[in-house]
Amino acid sequence: MKEGTLLLGARLMGTSVNVTHEVSCPDLGPVCASRAEPPQVHDQRFLIAELRVFAELSVRDWLSFELQLPLRVSATTIVFRRLDGSAFTPEYGDILHRDETLMGLGDPWLQARLHATWGTVSAAVSAGATLPVGRLEQNPFALGRAGVTHQHVQFGSGTVNPLVGVEVASVWSRVSVRGSGIAQLTLGENLYGYQAGSRFLVSLGADVKVVEALSLGATLDSITELPERWDGEVEQAGNVGRSDVLVGVQVAWRLGATTLLLSARVPVFQYFFAVGDEGQLRYPAIVSLGVQRSFELVH
């Protein structure tokens, strides 16, 4: 980025997930202490979305600073079913599942980025950290075992997590290619004994300029998240860690200093770090809509 350039943008990402799993006593909660409740099926639908606003300021041709602010939404609906598939409404309150919509800030990202250019090739390395701003929850597994209403959705990690990344891109006439990798490292647990899993993203992409303002692209992403831990333990009903490979398409429309982006990514491979993956989230696709604009602060 040229010295004195400010890049502002926002990206809205979302997906819908359906999770169905069988539950029996004692996991059904306090009702199991008073009677032999038959097994049942919990049929959940999640709508997960994130609006990520970012700003990057170039203070030198070779140095810029970036701030990202994520706003997250998790909307859940639940249908209780008998093993024969018939729906019913339990007369007792479920300590976990309920229709609800949660919204809040996630942990912001703050990074410094070093840039270099050699002819048609540009590269950057970045380093920074996430800031512990997102809302935290107490150990939901301990609360569940105690028969207390609890929440699994975490909006933050509660710890400062290092970020390191690298980016490379090259442009030839109407074709551009790029590659990037970023690691978010979780080194310890928060005040509730929660340690989020470290995350690793590797992304490859290529774009073709169809006309001066319109580009079409393809992407290949590999996302790995290590298991989360509560008080040092990996709970098999929690996030046991996963690796996903996604392929996608992207459309970019440039209007002067403003760029509009629309993309869709589909998982072609999903692997969970557990013997059984019942209850783990499987999503059909991730759709993203973004906008960004650059401003020249120094002329």
C-alpha atoms as a PDB file:
ATOM      1  CA  MET A   1       0.000   0.000   0.000  1.00  0.00           C
ATOM      2  CA  LYS A   2       1.150   3.530  -0.807  1.00  0.00           C
ATOM      3  CA  GLU A   3       2.149   5.684   2.148  1.00  0.00           C
ATOM      4  CA  GLY A   4      -0.789   7.702   3.451  1.00  0.00           C
ATOM      5  CA  THR A   5      -3.456   5.283   2.163  1.00  0.00           C
ATOM      6  CA  LEU A   6      -6.411   4.342   4.361  1.00  0.00           C
ATOM      7  CA  LEU A   7      -8.363   1.227   3.411  1.00  0.00           C
ATOM      8  CA  LEU A   8     -11.825   0.836   4.965  1.00  0.00           C
ATOM      9  CA  GLY A   9     -14.117  -2.121   4.450  1.00  0.00           C
ATOM     10  CA  ALA A  10     -16.694  -4.535   5.772  1.00  0.00           C
ATOM     11  CA  ARG A  11     -17.500  -8.164   5.045  1.00  0.00           C
ATOM     12  CA  LEU A  12     -20.710 -10.003   5.942  1.00  0.00           C
ATOM     13  CA  MET A  13     -20.440 -13.803   6.080  1.00  0.00           C
ATOM     14  CA  GLY A  14     -23.156 -16.304   6.895  1.00  0.00           C
ATOM     15  CA  THR A  15     -24.232 -19.921   6.807  1.00  0.00           C
ATOM     16  CA  SER A  16     -27.063 -22.134   8.015  1.00  0.00           C
ATOM     17  CA  VAL A  17     -26.400 -25.368   9.902  1.00  0.00           C
ATOM     18  CA  ASN A  18     -28.656 -28.240  10.936  1.00  0.00           C
ATOM     19  CA  VAL A  19     -27.527 -30.520  13.793  1.00  0.00           C
ATOM     20  CA  THR A  20     -29.473 -33.620  14.866  1.00  0.00           C
ATOM     21  CA  HIS A  21     -28.362 -35.875  17.706  1.00  0.00           C
ATOM     22  CA  GLU A  22     -29.874 -38.394  20.120  1.00  0.00           C
ATOM     23  CA  VAL A  23     -29.876 -37.596  23.855  1.00  0.00           C
ATOM     24  CA  SER A  24     -30.741 -39.800  26.831  1.00  0.00           C
ATOM     25  CA  CYS A  25     -30.464 -39.658  30.614  1.00  0.00           C
ATOM     26  CA  PRO A  26     -28.524 -38.382  32.483  1.00  0.00           C
ATOM     27  CA  ASP A  27     -27.720 -35.784  29.783  1.00  0.00           C
ATOM     28  CA  LEU A  28     -31.382 -34.697  29.644  1.00  0.00           C
ATOM     29  CA  GLY A  29     -30.887 -32.854  32.920  1.00  0.00           C
ATOM     30  CA  PRO A  30     -32.682 -32.734  36.288  1.00  0.00           C
ATOM     31  CA  VAL A  31     -35.760 -34.586  34.982  1.00  0.00           C
ATOM     32  CA  CYS A  32     -33.686 -37.791  35.035  1.00  0.00           C
ATOM     33  CA  ALA A  33     -33.495 -37.639  38.844  1.00  0.00           C
ATOM     34  CA  SER A  34     -37.281 -37.916  39.184  1.00  0.00           C
ATOM     35  CA  ARG A  35     -38.218 -40.355  36.414  1.00  0.00           C
ATOM     36  CA  ALA A  36     -36.905 -42.555  33.629  1.00  0.00           C
ATOM     37  CA  GLU A  37     -37.219 -40.158  30.699  1.00  0.00           C
ATOM     38  CA  PRO A  38     -37.029 -41.980  27.351  1.00  0.00           C
ATOM     39  CA  PRO A  39     -34.331 -41.021  24.824  1.00  0.00           C
ATOM     40  CA  GLN A  40     -35.141 -38.222  22.421  1.00  0.00           C
ATOM     41  CA  VAL A  41     -33.712 -36.480  19.354  1.00  0.00           C
ATOM     42  CA  HIS A  42     -32.722 -32.831  19.372  1.00  0.00           C
ATOM     43  CA  ASP A  43     -33.154 -31.278  15.928  1.00  0.00           C
ATOM     44  CA  GLN A  44     -31.410 -27.884  15.900  1.00  0.00           C
ATOM     45  CA  ARG A  45     -31.096 -25.228  13.233  1.00  0.00           C
ATOM     46  CA  PHE A  46     -28.357 -22.581  13.507  1.00  0.00           C
ATOM     47  CA  LEU A  47     -28.080 -19.363  11.518  1.00  0.00           C
ATOM     48  CA  ILE A  48     -24.544 -18.064  11.992  1.00  0.00           C
ATOM     49  CA  ALA A  49     -23.399 -14.689  10.658  1.00  0.00           C
ATOM     50  CA  GLU A  50     -20.496 -12.316  11.175  1.00  0.00           C
ATOM     51  CA  LEU A  51     -20.036  -8.699  10.107  1.00  0.00           C
ATOM     52  CA  ARG A  52     -16.313  -7.904  10.150  1.00  0.00           C
ATOM     53  CA  VAL A  53     -15.370  -4.214   9.807  1.00  0.00           C
ATOM     54  CA  PHE A  54     -11.725  -3.406   9.121  1.00  0.00           C
ATOM     55  CA  ALA A  55      -9.423  -0.439   8.658  1.00  0.00           C
ATOM     56  CA  GLU A  56      -5.819  -0.509   7.430  1.00  0.00           C
ATOM     57  CA  LEU A  57      -3.589   2.578   7.505  1.00  0.00           C
ATOM     58  CA  SER A  58      -0.310   2.682   5.589  1.00  0.00           C
ATOM     59  CA  VAL A  59       2.195   4.857   7.456  1.00  0.00           C
ATOM     60  CA  ARG A  60       5.045   3.951   5.085  1.00  0.00           C
ATOM     61  CA  ASP A  61       5.153   2.226   1.718  1.00  0.00           C
ATOM     62  CA  TRP A  62       6.462  -0.827   3.602  1.00  0.00           C
ATOM     63  CA  LEU A  63       4.463  -0.602   6.858  1.00  0.00           C
ATOM     64  CA  SER A  64       0.747  -0.572   7.666  1.00  0.00           C
ATOM     65  CA  PHE A  65      -1.452  -1.190  10.704  1.00  0.00           C
ATOM     66  CA  GLU A  66      -4.797  -2.967  10.638  1.00  0.00           C
ATOM     67  CA  LEU A  67      -7.754  -3.211  13.021  1.00  0.00           C
ATOM     68  CA  GLN A  68     -10.627  -5.696  12.559  1.00  0.00           C
ATOM     69  CA  LEU A  69     -13.877  -5.591  14.571  1.00  0.00           C
ATOM     70  CA  PRO A  70     -16.158  -8.673  14.315  1.00  0.00           C
ATOM     71  CA  LEU A  71     -19.859  -8.504  15.186  1.00  0.00           C
ATOM     72  CA  ARG A  72     -21.367 -11.980  15.493  1.00  0.00           C
ATOM     73  CA  VAL A  73     -24.922 -13.331  15.432  1.00  0.00           C
ATOM     74  CA  SER A  74     -26.014 -16.847  16.402  1.00  0.00           C
ATOM     75  CA  ALA A  75     -29.729 -17.652  15.983  1.00  0.00           C
ATOM     76  CA  THR A  76     -30.930 -21.084  17.114  1.00  0.00           C
ATOM     77  CA  THR A  77     -34.227 -22.970  16.864  1.00  0.00           C
ATOM     78  CA  ILE A  78     -34.882 -26.370  18.391  1.00  0.00           C
ATOM     79  CA  VAL A  79     -37.405 -29.143  17.703  1.00  0.00           C
ATOM     80  CA  PHE A  80     -37.672 -31.987  20.239  1.00  0.00           C
ATOM     81  CA  ARG A  81     -38.513 -35.361  18.677  1.00  0.00           C
ATOM     82  CA  ARG A  82     -39.211 -38.867  19.911  1.00  0.00           C
ATOM     83  CA  LEU A  83     -37.130 -41.638  18.372  1.00  0.00           C
ATOM     84  CA  ASP A  84     -39.944 -42.295  15.888  1.00  0.00           C
ATOM     85  CA  GLY A  85     -39.475 -38.736  14.533  1.00  0.00           C
ATOM     86  CA  SER A  86     -42.652 -37.230  16.016  1.00  0.00           C
ATOM     87  CA  ALA A  87     -42.243 -33.741  17.502  1.00  0.00           C
ATOM     88  CA  PHE A  88     -43.223 -32.965  21.074  1.00  0.00           C
ATOM     89  CA  THR A  89     -42.845 -30.163  23.624  1.00  0.00           C
ATOM     90  CA  PRO A  90     -41.261 -31.255  26.913  1.00  0.00           C
ATOM     91  CA  GLU A  91     -43.120 -29.957  29.972  1.00  0.00           C
ATOM     92  CA  TYR A  92     -39.815 -29.468  31.783  1.00  0.00           C
ATOM     93  CA  GLY A  93     -37.351 -26.759  30.822  1.00  0.00           C
ATOM     94  CA  ASP A  94     -34.363 -27.887  28.810  1.00  0.00           C
ATOM     95  CA  ILE A  95     -31.131 -26.654  30.415  1.00  0.00           C
ATOM     96  CA  LEU A  96     -29.365 -26.136  27.069  1.00  0.00           C
ATOM     97  CA  HIS A  97     -31.625 -26.042  24.019  1.00  0.00           C
ATOM     98  CA  ARG A  98     -33.991 -23.116  23.434  1.00  0.00           C
ATOM     99  CA  ASP A  99     -35.044 -20.793  20.636  1.00  0.00           C
ATOM    100  CA  GLU A 100     -32.798 -17.748  20.984  1.00  0.00           C
ATOM    101  CA  THR A 101     -30.780 -15.158  19.096  1.00  0.00           C
ATOM    102  CA  LEU A 102     -27.414 -14.054  20.475  1.00  0.00           C
ATOM    103  CA  MET A 103     -25.474 -11.022  19.220  1.00  0.00           C
ATOM    104  CA  GLY A 104     -22.226  -9.450  20.347  1.00  0.00           C
ATOM    105  CA  LEU A 105     -18.703  -8.345  19.546  1.00  0.00           C
ATOM    106  CA  GLY A 106     -16.038 -10.949  18.997  1.00  0.00           C
ATOM    107  CA  ASP A 107     -12.379 -10.443  19.832  1.00  0.00           C
ATOM    108  CA  PRO A 108     -10.889  -7.604  17.705  1.00  0.00           C
ATOM    109  CA  TRP A 109      -7.711  -8.166  15.680  1.00  0.00           C
ATOM    110  CA  LEU A 110      -4.822  -5.696  15.764  1.00  0.00           C
ATOM    111  CA  GLN A 111      -1.932  -6.298  13.361  1.00  0.00           C
ATOM    112  CA  ALA A 112       1.167  -4.684  11.866  1.00  0.00           C
ATOM    113  CA  ARG A 113       2.018  -5.602   8.272  1.00  0.00           C
ATOM    114  CA  LEU A 114       5.371  -5.281   6.442  1.00  0.00           C
ATOM    115  CA  HIS A 115       5.149  -4.951   2.637  1.00  0.00           C
ATOM    116  CA  ALA A 116       7.646  -5.522  -0.187  1.00  0.00           C
ATOM    117  CA  THR A 117       7.394  -5.520  -4.012  1.00  0.00           C
ATOM    118  CA  TRP A 118       9.634  -7.044  -6.677  1.00  0.00           C
ATOM    119  CA  GLY A 119       8.353  -6.274 -10.155  1.00  0.00           C
ATOM    120  CA  THR A 120       4.981  -7.975 -10.547  1.00  0.00           C
ATOM    121  CA  VAL A 121       5.302  -9.828  -7.224  1.00  0.00           C
ATOM    122  CA  SER A 122       4.191  -8.360  -3.896  1.00  0.00           C
ATOM    123  CA  ALA A 123       4.509  -9.914  -0.449  1.00  0.00           C
ATOM    124  CA  ALA A 124       3.664  -9.086   3.133  1.00  0.00           C
ATOM    125  CA  VAL A 125       4.228 -10.554   6.571  1.00  0.00           C
ATOM    126  CA  SER A 126       2.039  -9.647   9.522  1.00  0.00           C
ATOM    127  CA  ALA A 127       2.059 -10.018  13.288  1.00  0.00           C
ATOM    128  CA  GLY A 128      -0.374  -8.970  15.966  1.00  0.00           C
ATOM    129  CA  ALA A 129      -2.855 -10.269  18.491  1.00  0.00           C
ATOM    130  CA  THR A 130      -6.527 -10.667  19.280  1.00  0.00           C
ATOM    131  CA  LEU A 131      -7.882  -8.590  22.154  1.00  0.00           C
ATOM    132  CA  PRO A 132     -10.131 -10.212  24.829  1.00  0.00           C
ATOM    133  CA  VAL A 133     -13.338  -8.228  24.271  1.00  0.00           C
ATOM    134  CA  GLY A 134     -15.950 -10.876  23.327  1.00  0.00           C
ATOM    135  CA  ARG A 135     -18.443 -12.156  25.900  1.00  0.00           C
ATOM    136  CA  LEU A 136     -17.404 -15.248  27.894  1.00  0.00           C
ATOM    137  CA  GLU A 137     -19.388 -18.153  29.325  1.00  0.00           C
ATOM    138  CA  GLN A 138     -18.668 -20.375  32.301  1.00  0.00           C
ATOM    139  CA  ASN A 139     -17.857 -24.057  31.759  1.00  0.00           C
ATOM    140  CA  PRO A 140     -21.069 -25.324  30.084  1.00  0.00           C
ATOM    141  CA  PHE A 141     -20.163 -28.979  30.606  1.00  0.00           C
ATOM    142  CA  ALA A 142     -19.699 -28.566  34.360  1.00  0.00           C
ATOM    143  CA  LEU A 143     -22.949 -26.586  34.558  1.00  0.00           C
ATOM    144  CA  GLY A 144     -24.761 -29.221  32.502  1.00  0.00           C
ATOM    145  CA  ARG A 145     -23.559 -32.029  34.747  1.00  0.00           C
ATOM    146  CA  ALA A 146     -24.828 -29.998  37.721  1.00  0.00           C
ATOM    147  CA  GLY A 147     -28.251 -29.603  36.056  1.00  0.00           C
ATOM    148  CA  VAL A 148     -27.863 -25.841  35.587  1.00  0.00           C
ATOM    149  CA  THR A 149     -28.956 -23.880  32.496  1.00  0.00           C
ATOM    150  CA  HIS A 150     -25.893 -23.091  30.393  1.00  0.00           C
ATOM    151  CA  GLN A 151     -24.641 -21.685  27.091  1.00  0.00           C
ATOM    152  CA  HIS A 152     -22.017 -23.090  24.701  1.00  0.00           C
ATOM    153  CA  VAL A 153     -21.702 -20.098  22.338  1.00  0.00           C
ATOM    154  CA  GLN A 154     -18.512 -18.151  23.096  1.00  0.00           C
ATOM    155  CA  PHE A 155     -18.099 -14.712  21.506  1.00  0.00           C
ATOM    156  CA  GLY A 156     -14.518 -14.380  22.709  1.00  0.00           C
ATOM    157  CA  SER A 157     -11.606 -16.412  24.016  1.00  0.00           C
ATOM    158  CA  GLY A 158     -10.865 -14.328  27.113  1.00  0.00           C
ATOM    159  CA  THR A 159      -7.136 -14.332  26.295  1.00  0.00           C
ATOM    160  CA  VAL A 160      -4.698 -12.348  24.158  1.00  0.00           C
ATOM    161  CA  ASN A 161      -3.892 -14.618  21.207  1.00  0.00           C
ATOM    162  CA  PRO A 162      -0.899 -14.032  18.889  1.00  0.00           C
ATOM    163  CA  LEU A 163      -1.504 -13.655  15.145  1.00  0.00           C
ATOM    164  CA  VAL A 164       1.136 -14.323  12.474  1.00  0.00           C
ATOM    165  CA  GLY A 165       0.608 -14.327   8.736  1.00  0.00           C
ATOM    166  CA  VAL A 166       2.150 -14.165   5.274  1.00  0.00           C
ATOM    167  CA  GLU A 167       0.750 -13.081   1.883  1.00  0.00           C
ATOM    168  CA  VAL A 168       2.121 -13.329  -1.683  1.00  0.00           C
ATOM    169  CA  ALA A 169       0.504 -12.074  -4.907  1.00  0.00           C
ATOM    170  CA  SER A 170       1.446 -11.596  -8.531  1.00  0.00           C
ATOM    171  CA  VAL A 171      -0.252  -9.974 -11.518  1.00  0.00           C
ATOM    172  CA  TRP A 172       0.250 -10.772 -15.208  1.00  0.00           C
ATOM    173  CA  SER A 173      -1.833  -8.700 -17.596  1.00  0.00           C
ATOM    174  CA  ARG A 174      -5.434  -9.746 -16.865  1.00  0.00           C
ATOM    175  CA  VAL A 175      -4.618 -12.612 -14.490  1.00  0.00           C
ATOM    176  CA  SER A 176      -3.622 -12.409 -10.833  1.00  0.00           C
ATOM    177  CA  VAL A 177      -2.758 -15.162  -8.361  1.00  0.00           C
ATOM    178  CA  ARG A 178      -2.367 -14.994  -4.594  1.00  0.00           C
ATOM    179  CA  GLY A 179      -1.626 -17.122  -1.594  1.00  0.00           C
ATOM    180  CA  SER A 180      -1.821 -16.450   2.117  1.00  0.00           C
ATOM    181  CA  GLY A 181      -1.597 -18.127   5.471  1.00  0.00           C
ATOM    182  CA  ILE A 182      -2.463 -16.972   8.970  1.00  0.00           C
ATOM    183  CA  ALA A 183      -2.235 -18.605  12.387  1.00  0.00           C
ATOM    184  CA  GLN A 184      -4.193 -17.579  15.475  1.00  0.00           C
ATOM    185  CA  LEU A 185      -2.460 -19.167  18.453  1.00  0.00           C
ATOM    186  CA  THR A 186      -4.164 -19.771  21.796  1.00  0.00           C
ATOM    187  CA  LEU A 187      -1.484 -20.229  24.455  1.00  0.00           C
ATOM    188  CA  GLY A 188      -3.495 -20.466  27.668  1.00  0.00           C
ATOM    189  CA  GLU A 189      -6.912 -20.659  29.305  1.00  0.00           C
ATOM    190  CA  ASN A 190      -9.138 -17.803  30.468  1.00  0.00           C
ATOM    191  CA  LEU A 191     -10.515 -17.119  33.946  1.00  0.00           C
ATOM    192  CA  TYR A 192     -13.234 -19.764  33.438  1.00  0.00           C
ATOM    193  CA  GLY A 193     -10.747 -22.477  32.468  1.00  0.00           C
ATOM    194  CA  TYR A 194     -11.558 -22.218  28.748  1.00  0.00           C
ATOM    195  CA  GLN A 195      -8.843 -22.513  26.110  1.00  0.00           C
ATOM    196  CA  ALA A 196      -9.993 -21.995  22.535  1.00  0.00           C
ATOM    197  CA  GLY A 197      -8.331 -24.103  19.870  1.00  0.00           C
ATOM    198  CA  SER A 198      -5.575 -22.509  17.796  1.00  0.00           C
ATOM    199  CA  ARG A 199      -6.638 -21.826  14.214  1.00  0.00           C
ATOM    200  CA  PHE A 200      -4.735 -22.068  10.939  1.00  0.00           C
ATOM    201  CA  LEU A 201      -5.902 -20.828   7.518  1.00  0.00           C
ATOM    202  CA  VAL A 202      -4.156 -21.364   4.180  1.00  0.00           C
ATOM    203  CA  SER A 203      -5.764 -19.781   1.112  1.00  0.00           C
ATOM    204  CA  LEU A 204      -4.997 -19.860  -2.614  1.00  0.00           C
ATOM    205  CA  GLY A 205      -6.793 -17.834  -5.261  1.00  0.00           C
ATOM    206  CA  ALA A 206      -6.724 -16.686  -8.864  1.00  0.00           C
ATOM    207  CA  ASP A 207      -8.656 -13.917 -10.620  1.00  0.00           C
ATOM    208  CA  VAL A 208      -9.271 -13.067 -14.257  1.00  0.00           C
ATOM    209  CA  LYS A 209     -10.231  -9.534 -15.309  1.00  0.00           C
ATOM    210  CA  VAL A 210     -13.234  -9.963 -17.609  1.00  0.00           C
ATOM    211  CA  VAL A 211     -13.607  -6.252 -18.299  1.00  0.00           C
ATOM    212  CA  GLU A 212     -11.861  -3.283 -16.708  1.00  0.00           C
ATOM    213  CA  ALA A 213     -14.207  -3.165 -13.708  1.00  0.00           C
ATOM    214  CA  LEU A 214     -15.191  -6.847 -13.372  1.00  0.00           C
ATOM    215  CA  SER A 215     -13.089  -9.792 -12.192  1.00  0.00           C
ATOM    216  CA  LEU A 216     -14.010 -13.433 -11.650  1.00  0.00           C
ATOM    217  CA  GLY A 217     -12.028 -15.672  -9.342  1.00  0.00           C
ATOM    218  CA  ALA A 218     -11.658 -19.108  -7.787  1.00  0.00           C
ATOM    219  CA  THR A 219     -10.424 -19.957  -4.302  1.00  0.00           C
ATOM    220  CA  LEU A 220      -9.138 -22.976  -2.390  1.00  0.00           C
ATOM    221  CA  ASP A 221      -9.033 -22.742   1.407  1.00  0.00           C
ATOM    222  CA  SER A 222      -7.796 -25.068   4.129  1.00  0.00           C
ATOM    223  CA  ILE A 223      -9.026 -24.302   7.660  1.00  0.00           C
ATOM    224  CA  THR A 224      -7.836 -26.213  10.719  1.00  0.00           C
ATOM    225  CA  GLU A 225      -9.011 -25.608  14.287  1.00  0.00           C
ATOM    226  CA  LEU A 226      -7.524 -27.539  17.204  1.00  0.00           C
ATOM    227  CA  PRO A 227      -9.796 -28.853  19.990  1.00  0.00           C
ATOM    228  CA  GLU A 228     -11.103 -26.490  22.651  1.00  0.00           C
ATOM    229  CA  ARG A 229     -10.347 -27.380  26.272  1.00  0.00           C
ATOM    230  CA  TRP A 230     -12.158 -26.812  29.546  1.00  0.00           C
ATOM    231  CA  ASP A 231      -9.951 -27.098  32.628  1.00  0.00           C
ATOM    232  CA  GLY A 232      -7.416 -28.864  30.422  1.00  0.00           C
ATOM    233  CA  GLU A 233      -9.861 -31.475  29.118  1.00  0.00           C
ATOM    234  CA  VAL A 234     -11.312 -32.012  25.635  1.00  0.00           C
ATOM    235  CA  GLU A 235     -15.052 -32.633  26.021  1.00  0.00           C
ATOM    236  CA  GLN A 236     -16.318 -35.058  23.365  1.00  0.00           C
ATOM    237  CA  ALA A 237     -19.632 -33.158  23.167  1.00  0.00           C
ATOM    238  CA  GLY A 238     -17.807 -29.881  22.504  1.00  0.00           C
ATOM    239  CA  ASN A 239     -15.559 -28.581  19.740  1.00  0.00           C
ATOM    240  CA  VAL A 240     -13.234 -31.545  19.257  1.00  0.00           C
ATOM    241  CA  GLY A 241     -11.201 -29.843  16.515  1.00  0.00           C
ATOM    242  CA  ARG A 242     -11.640 -30.067  12.756  1.00  0.00           C
ATOM    243  CA  SER A 243     -10.052 -29.576   9.344  1.00  0.00           C
ATOM    244  CA  ASP A 244     -12.079 -28.277   6.397  1.00  0.00           C
ATOM    245  CA  VAL A 245     -11.162 -27.808   2.743  1.00  0.00           C
ATOM    246  CA  LEU A 246     -13.371 -25.441   0.743  1.00  0.00           C
ATOM    247  CA  VAL A 247     -13.550 -24.433  -2.910  1.00  0.00           C
ATOM    248  CA  GLY A 248     -15.186 -21.190  -3.920  1.00  0.00           C
ATOM    249  CA  VAL A 249     -15.949 -18.597  -6.545  1.00  0.00           C
ATOM    250  CA  GLN A 250     -15.723 -14.822  -6.242  1.00  0.00           C
ATOM    251  CA  VAL A 251     -16.938 -11.825  -8.197  1.00  0.00           C
ATOM    252  CA  ALA A 252     -15.278  -8.410  -7.754  1.00  0.00           C
ATOM    253  CA  TRP A 253     -16.757  -5.189  -9.174  1.00  0.00           C
ATOM    254  CA  ARG A 254     -14.606  -2.053  -9.016  1.00  0.00           C
ATOM    255  CA  LEU A 255     -16.179   1.384  -9.045  1.00  0.00           C
ATOM    256  CA  GLY A 256     -13.292   3.836  -8.842  1.00  0.00           C
ATOM    257  CA  ALA A 257     -11.720   3.487  -5.380  1.00  0.00           C
ATOM    258  CA  THR A 258     -14.574   1.213  -4.204  1.00  0.00           C
ATOM    259  CA  THR A 259     -14.670  -2.553  -4.696  1.00  0.00           C
ATOM    260  CA  LEU A 260     -17.707  -4.800  -4.169  1.00  0.00           C
ATOM    261  CA  LEU A 261     -17.099  -8.498  -3.498  1.00  0.00           C
ATOM    262  CA  LEU A 262     -19.449 -11.482  -3.594  1.00  0.00           C
ATOM    263  CA  SER A 263     -18.238 -15.012  -2.895  1.00  0.00           C
ATOM    264  CA  ALA A 264     -19.478 -18.488  -2.058  1.00  0.00           C
ATOM    265  CA  ARG A 265     -17.412 -21.353  -0.647  1.00  0.00           C
ATOM    266  CA  VAL A 266     -18.449 -24.991  -0.408  1.00  0.00           C
ATOM    267  CA  PRO A 267     -16.742 -27.602   1.809  1.00  0.00           C
ATOM    268  CA  VAL A 268     -15.424 -30.567  -0.164  1.00  0.00           C
ATOM    269  CA  PHE A 269     -13.719 -32.232   2.807  1.00  0.00           C
ATOM    270  CA  GLN A 270     -14.464 -32.146   6.565  1.00  0.00           C
ATOM    271  CA  TYR A 271     -12.564 -34.095   9.210  1.00  0.00           C
ATOM    272  CA  PHE A 272     -13.230 -34.047  12.972  1.00  0.00           C
ATOM    273  CA  PHE A 273     -10.526 -34.874  15.531  1.00  0.00           C
ATOM    274  CA  ALA A 274     -12.665 -37.411  17.423  1.00  0.00           C
ATOM    275  CA  VAL A 275     -13.729 -41.045  17.120  1.00  0.00           C
ATOM    276  CA  GLY A 276     -17.360 -39.945  16.783  1.00  0.00           C
ATOM    277  CA  ASP A 277     -18.448 -36.615  15.308  1.00  0.00           C
ATOM    278  CA  GLU A 278     -22.120 -36.651  16.330  1.00  0.00           C
ATOM    279  CA  GLY A 279     -23.325 -33.146  17.146  1.00  0.00           C
ATOM    280  CA  GLN A 280     -20.476 -31.416  15.268  1.00  0.00           C
ATOM    281  CA  LEU A 281     -21.435 -28.578  12.947  1.00  0.00           C
ATOM    282  CA  ARG A 282     -21.602 -29.381   9.228  1.00  0.00           C
ATOM    283  CA  TYR A 283     -22.390 -26.426   6.973  1.00  0.00           C
ATOM    284  CA  PRO A 284     -23.440 -26.577   3.302  1.00  0.00           C
ATOM    285  CA  ALA A 285     -21.730 -23.339   2.192  1.00  0.00           C
ATOM    286  CA  ILE A 286     -20.445 -19.966   3.359  1.00  0.00           C
ATOM    287  CA  VAL A 287     -21.698 -16.901   1.501  1.00  0.00           C
ATOM    288  CA  SER A 288     -19.882 -13.583   1.819  1.00  0.00           C
ATOM    289  CA  LEU A 289     -20.672 -10.026   0.696  1.00  0.00           C
ATOM    290  CA  GLY A 290     -18.051  -7.314   1.095  1.00  0.00           C
ATOM    291  CA  VAL A 291     -17.210  -3.728   0.254  1.00  0.00           C
ATOM    292  CA  GLN A 292     -13.959  -1.804   0.588  1.00  0.00           C
ATOM    293  CA  ARG A 293     -12.718   1.648  -0.367  1.00  0.00           C
ATOM    294  CA  SER A 294      -9.309   3.281  -0.294  1.00  0.00           C
ATOM    295  CA  PHE A 295      -8.615   6.925   0.578  1.00  0.00           C
ATOM    296  CA  GLU A 296      -5.452   8.876  -0.203  1.00  0.00           C
ATOM    297  CA  LEU A 297      -4.716  10.918   2.932  1.00  0.00           C
ATOM    298  CA  VAL A 298      -1.403  12.292   1.608  1.00  0.00           C
ATOM    299  CA  HIS A 299      -1.073  13.754  -1.892  1.00  0.00           C
END
